[in-house]
Protein backbone atom coordinates (compact mmCIF):
# COMPACT_ATOMS: atom_id res chain seq x y z
CA UNK A 1 121.70 -1.16 115.35
CA UNK A 2 120.61 -0.99 118.94
CA UNK A 3 123.42 -0.94 121.37
CA UNK A 4 123.45 -2.42 124.66
CA UNK A 5 124.69 0.19 126.78
CA UNK A 6 125.19 -2.04 129.83
CA UNK A 7 127.98 -3.04 128.35
CA UNK A 8 131.26 -1.90 129.74
CA UNK A 9 134.91 -1.97 129.71
CA UNK A 10 137.80 -1.43 132.19
CA UNK A 11 141.82 -2.57 131.13
CA UNK A 12 143.54 -2.79 134.22
CA UNK A 13 147.22 -3.46 134.49
CA UNK A 14 148.70 -6.47 136.54
CA UNK A 15 152.14 -5.08 137.28
CA UNK A 16 155.37 -6.89 136.36
CA UNK A 17 155.65 -9.23 139.26
CA UNK A 18 153.12 -11.38 140.40
CA UNK A 19 150.75 -10.50 143.14
CA UNK A 20 153.15 -7.19 144.29
CA UNK A 21 152.33 -4.29 141.90
CA UNK A 22 148.35 -4.38 140.99
CA UNK A 23 146.63 -1.75 142.82
CA UNK A 24 143.90 -2.03 145.13
CA UNK A 25 141.26 -0.84 142.21
CA UNK A 26 142.27 -2.94 139.68
CA UNK A 27 141.91 -5.43 141.95
CA UNK A 28 138.66 -4.23 142.56
CA UNK A 29 137.57 -4.12 139.18
CA UNK A 30 138.92 -7.98 138.29
CA UNK A 31 136.72 -9.34 140.91
CA UNK A 32 133.70 -7.31 140.34
CA UNK A 33 133.98 -8.41 136.44
CA UNK A 34 131.10 -10.66 134.65
CA UNK A 35 134.56 -11.83 132.12
CA UNK A 36 138.40 -11.27 133.12
CA UNK A 37 140.49 -11.37 129.49
CA UNK A 38 144.06 -11.88 130.77
CA UNK A 39 147.51 -11.52 128.88
CA UNK A 40 149.89 -12.98 130.75
CA UNK A 41 153.00 -14.99 129.53
CA UNK A 42 153.05 -16.77 132.81
CA UNK A 43 150.44 -19.57 133.46
CA UNK A 44 151.12 -18.76 137.15
CA UNK A 45 150.11 -14.89 136.57
CA UNK A 46 146.54 -16.50 135.02
CA UNK A 47 145.85 -18.79 138.05
CA UNK A 48 146.46 -15.99 140.03
CA UNK A 49 144.26 -13.77 138.38
CA UNK A 50 141.59 -16.95 138.33
CA UNK A 51 141.95 -16.72 142.13
CA UNK A 52 140.17 -13.11 142.09
CA UNK A 53 137.34 -14.12 139.37
CA UNK A 54 136.94 -17.55 137.92
CA UNK A 55 135.21 -16.26 134.34
CA UNK A 56 138.80 -15.77 132.83
CA UNK A 57 139.80 -15.95 129.06
CA UNK A 58 143.39 -16.49 128.37
CA UNK A 59 144.53 -14.45 125.27
CA UNK A 60 147.67 -16.10 124.89
CA UNK A 61 145.64 -18.63 122.75
CA UNK A 62 145.65 -16.01 120.18
CA UNK A 63 149.82 -16.10 119.64
CA UNK A 64 151.44 -18.44 117.48
CA UNK A 65 154.90 -18.58 116.04
CA UNK A 66 154.78 -17.53 112.32
CA UNK A 67 151.43 -15.58 112.58
CA UNK A 68 151.18 -11.93 112.60
CA UNK A 69 151.11 -10.33 115.74
CA UNK A 70 149.02 -7.69 114.00
CA UNK A 71 146.18 -10.23 113.10
CA UNK A 72 146.48 -11.69 116.53
CA UNK A 73 146.06 -8.45 117.86
CA UNK A 74 142.85 -7.93 116.32
CA UNK A 75 141.42 -10.96 117.27
CA UNK A 76 142.20 -10.25 120.51
CA UNK A 77 140.01 -7.03 120.18
CA UNK A 78 137.03 -8.39 118.44
CA UNK A 79 137.06 -11.45 121.25
CA UNK A 80 136.93 -8.50 123.95
CA UNK A 81 134.43 -6.33 122.58
CA UNK A 82 132.17 -9.16 121.61
CA UNK A 83 131.75 -9.70 125.34
CA UNK A 84 130.98 -5.88 126.10
CA UNK A 85 128.45 -5.77 122.87
CA UNK A 86 126.61 -8.99 124.83
CA UNK A 87 126.03 -6.61 127.83
CA UNK A 88 128.79 -7.64 130.09
CA UNK A 89 130.84 -6.08 132.54
CA UNK A 90 134.36 -6.72 131.10
CA UNK A 91 137.93 -6.44 132.31
CA UNK A 92 141.25 -6.75 130.44
CA UNK A 93 144.04 -7.49 132.85
CA UNK A 94 147.15 -7.16 131.03
CA UNK A 95 150.69 -7.98 131.83
CA UNK A 96 152.68 -4.71 133.10
CA UNK A 97 150.86 -1.29 132.07
CA UNK A 98 147.72 -1.84 129.82
CA UNK A 99 148.61 1.17 127.71
CA UNK A 100 152.71 0.25 127.18
CA UNK A 101 153.71 -1.66 124.30
CA UNK A 102 149.83 -3.17 124.37
CA UNK A 103 147.95 -2.77 121.20
CA UNK A 104 144.45 -4.34 122.18
CA UNK A 105 143.88 -1.97 125.58
CA UNK A 106 144.13 0.49 123.40
CA UNK A 107 142.14 -0.17 120.73
CA UNK A 108 139.37 -1.89 122.22
CA UNK A 109 138.78 1.11 124.62
CA UNK A 110 138.60 3.19 121.49
CA UNK A 111 135.97 0.98 120.03
CA UNK A 112 134.27 0.57 122.69
CA UNK A 113 133.77 3.87 123.33
CA UNK A 114 132.73 5.26 119.51
CA UNK A 115 130.23 2.25 119.90
CA UNK A 116 128.89 3.99 123.05
CA UNK A 117 129.75 1.87 125.52
CA UNK A 118 132.01 2.91 129.05
CA UNK A 119 135.53 2.69 128.71
CA UNK A 120 138.65 3.40 130.69
CA UNK A 121 141.98 2.58 131.92
CA UNK A 122 143.85 1.66 134.98
CA UNK A 123 147.26 2.11 134.92
CA UNK A 124 149.97 -0.80 136.55
CA UNK A 125 153.38 -0.90 137.41
CA UNK A 126 155.48 -0.74 134.15
CA UNK A 127 159.11 -2.46 133.15
CA UNK A 128 160.19 0.88 132.74
CA UNK A 129 159.34 1.63 136.68
CA UNK A 130 160.97 -1.25 137.18
CA UNK A 131 163.74 -0.59 135.38
CA UNK A 132 164.47 2.60 136.91
CA UNK A 133 164.33 0.88 140.99
CA UNK A 134 166.23 -2.16 139.57
CA UNK A 135 169.12 -0.16 137.69
CA UNK A 136 169.28 2.84 140.18
CA UNK A 137 168.48 5.59 137.19
CA UNK A 138 167.00 8.89 137.71
CA UNK A 139 165.63 9.73 134.62
CA UNK A 140 165.55 13.49 136.24
CA UNK A 141 169.27 13.43 136.07
CA UNK A 142 170.40 12.73 132.79
CA UNK A 143 167.62 12.70 130.52
CA UNK A 144 166.08 9.83 129.32
CA UNK A 145 164.60 9.02 125.66
CA UNK A 146 162.77 5.54 124.89
CA UNK A 147 162.44 4.09 121.52
CA UNK A 148 161.03 0.23 120.42
CA UNK A 149 164.14 -0.96 118.92
CA UNK A 150 162.86 -1.60 115.28
CA UNK A 151 161.62 1.85 114.89
CA UNK A 152 164.72 3.27 116.23
CA UNK A 153 166.59 1.28 113.36
CA UNK A 154 163.97 1.73 110.81
CA UNK A 155 163.51 5.66 111.20
CA UNK A 156 165.32 8.47 111.29
CA UNK A 157 164.93 8.98 115.32
CA UNK A 158 167.23 11.90 116.89
CA UNK A 159 168.53 11.30 120.64
CA UNK A 160 170.95 12.98 122.73
CA UNK A 161 173.76 10.78 123.76
CA UNK A 162 174.34 12.94 126.78
CA UNK A 163 171.11 11.22 128.52
CA UNK A 164 170.18 7.30 128.86
CA UNK A 165 168.93 5.92 125.72
CA UNK A 166 166.66 2.85 126.12
CA UNK A 167 165.59 0.69 123.58
CA UNK A 168 162.59 -1.67 123.96
CA UNK A 169 161.92 -5.21 122.41
CA UNK A 170 165.20 -5.66 122.00
CA UNK A 171 165.38 -9.05 120.70
CA UNK A 172 163.30 -8.64 117.77
CA UNK A 173 165.12 -5.45 116.63
CA UNK A 174 165.22 -5.57 112.74
CA UNK A 175 161.98 -7.73 112.47
CA UNK A 176 159.47 -6.21 110.26
CA UNK A 177 156.79 -9.46 109.87
CA UNK A 178 155.73 -9.26 113.18
CA UNK A 179 155.65 -12.91 112.74
CA UNK A 180 158.83 -13.77 115.16
CA UNK A 181 159.84 -13.54 118.67
CA UNK A 182 163.56 -13.50 118.21
CA UNK A 183 165.62 -12.00 115.25
CA UNK A 184 169.04 -13.41 113.92
CA UNK A 185 172.46 -11.90 114.86
CA UNK A 186 172.95 -10.72 111.80
CA UNK A 187 169.54 -8.49 112.12
CA UNK A 188 170.60 -7.30 115.38
CA UNK A 189 174.32 -6.42 114.32
CA UNK A 190 172.12 -3.55 112.09
CA UNK A 191 171.13 -2.06 115.04
CA UNK A 192 174.91 -2.17 116.54
CA UNK A 193 176.34 -0.38 113.44
CA UNK A 194 173.52 2.50 113.61
CA UNK A 195 174.70 2.84 117.41
CA UNK A 196 178.52 2.51 116.47
CA UNK A 197 178.10 5.96 114.59
CA UNK A 198 177.53 7.44 118.20
CA UNK A 199 178.63 5.89 120.62
CA UNK A 200 182.25 4.20 121.11
CA UNK A 201 182.70 0.34 120.55
CA UNK A 202 183.87 -0.29 123.70
CA UNK A 203 180.97 1.71 125.28
CA UNK A 204 179.01 -0.26 128.38
CA UNK A 205 176.18 -0.82 127.52
CA UNK A 206 173.45 -3.41 129.66
CA UNK A 207 170.57 -5.74 128.85
CA UNK A 208 167.72 -6.20 130.93
CA UNK A 209 165.02 -8.35 132.61
CA UNK A 210 162.97 -7.45 135.21
CA UNK A 211 161.33 -10.66 137.56
CA UNK A 212 157.81 -11.61 137.01
CA UNK A 213 157.79 -13.89 139.86
CA UNK A 214 158.54 -12.96 143.68
CA UNK A 215 161.14 -16.00 143.80
CA UNK A 216 162.90 -14.70 140.59
CA UNK A 217 165.91 -11.81 140.33
CA UNK A 218 166.18 -9.47 138.11
CA UNK A 219 168.36 -10.01 135.09
CA UNK A 220 170.97 -7.68 133.71
CA UNK A 221 174.15 -8.60 131.43
CA UNK A 222 176.48 -5.69 130.77
CA UNK A 223 178.96 -5.96 127.64
CA UNK A 224 180.47 -3.77 125.38
CA UNK A 225 178.61 -2.19 122.49
CA UNK A 226 180.39 -4.17 119.80
CA UNK A 227 179.61 -7.71 121.70
CA UNK A 228 175.79 -6.97 121.57
CA UNK A 229 174.43 -8.82 118.64
CA UNK A 230 175.99 -12.34 119.96
CA UNK A 231 173.88 -12.09 123.03
CA UNK A 232 170.89 -14.36 124.02
CA UNK A 233 167.63 -12.06 123.83
CA UNK A 234 163.96 -12.01 124.00
CA UNK A 235 160.92 -10.11 123.33
CA UNK A 236 161.26 -8.98 126.91
CA UNK A 237 164.50 -7.83 126.96
CA UNK A 238 165.61 -4.11 126.95
CA UNK A 239 168.84 -2.61 126.07
CA UNK A 240 170.24 0.44 128.66
CA UNK A 241 172.55 2.50 126.95
CA UNK A 242 174.20 5.34 129.51
CA UNK A 243 175.45 8.35 128.59
CA UNK A 244 178.69 8.71 126.69
CA UNK A 245 179.20 12.56 126.53
CA UNK A 246 178.46 15.18 128.98
CA UNK A 247 175.89 17.87 129.40
CA UNK A 248 176.87 20.96 126.93
CA UNK A 249 175.86 23.96 129.13
CA UNK A 250 173.80 27.28 127.20
CA UNK A 251 176.01 29.61 128.84
CA UNK A 252 174.08 32.37 127.59
CA UNK A 253 170.98 31.55 128.79
CA UNK A 254 172.58 30.54 131.78
CA UNK A 255 173.61 34.30 132.31
CA UNK A 256 170.42 35.59 130.78
CA UNK A 257 168.24 33.49 133.39
CA UNK A 258 170.53 34.69 136.25
CA UNK A 259 169.50 38.55 135.26
CA UNK A 260 165.97 38.02 135.46
CA UNK A 261 164.35 38.50 138.77
């Protein structure tokens, strides 16, 4: 099969807050593309991208309640690659960072390269970046471990309670079907019960959602861990658990380090 090597792909990040986080280089790729695939849950974001390039295709139409997200991602990947194979300069514009909690950007780049096309990724401001700024957390002070909430729940994932623990997509914790956008309180309680094996019941934890529009404010809610499961959450809700223990110094290593020039 002959390959039209003129086709190309770049997946860029739009950042989290509309118009505020995109890099100049990512904007240029959007403006110069033959077609732009947009993945953003807010129609205003799609319209903003459309103002930079009118040739957009929304990826939101691939989502449906009760439809496996893996099937959705496969369909998105094929739609993007078909335009690359047609010889077009294709840009995928993804909410936040295109490489964070997003399967199609990685998969389209991998497949495009395997088929001989030029493909790469440009970063964007992610929810993690916003979290550090909004909550005043320096990951270098205590350390910080990140997990997807269901992966954390379903697998043995050792972690350090003297560091921050950040669980992403906590609103769908306990879901294995990949077909729902929010799980039940009963399933979220499974996660809480697991955390209660390490943390005190009254340990204060924070639910976090960053602002999407400039007129919005960051949303946070701090509750006792024992009351977490009953709180309202969505797929974009992140759980931040601060350290519950102090760091334990390695005295012997400290002493050895001090003796070494």
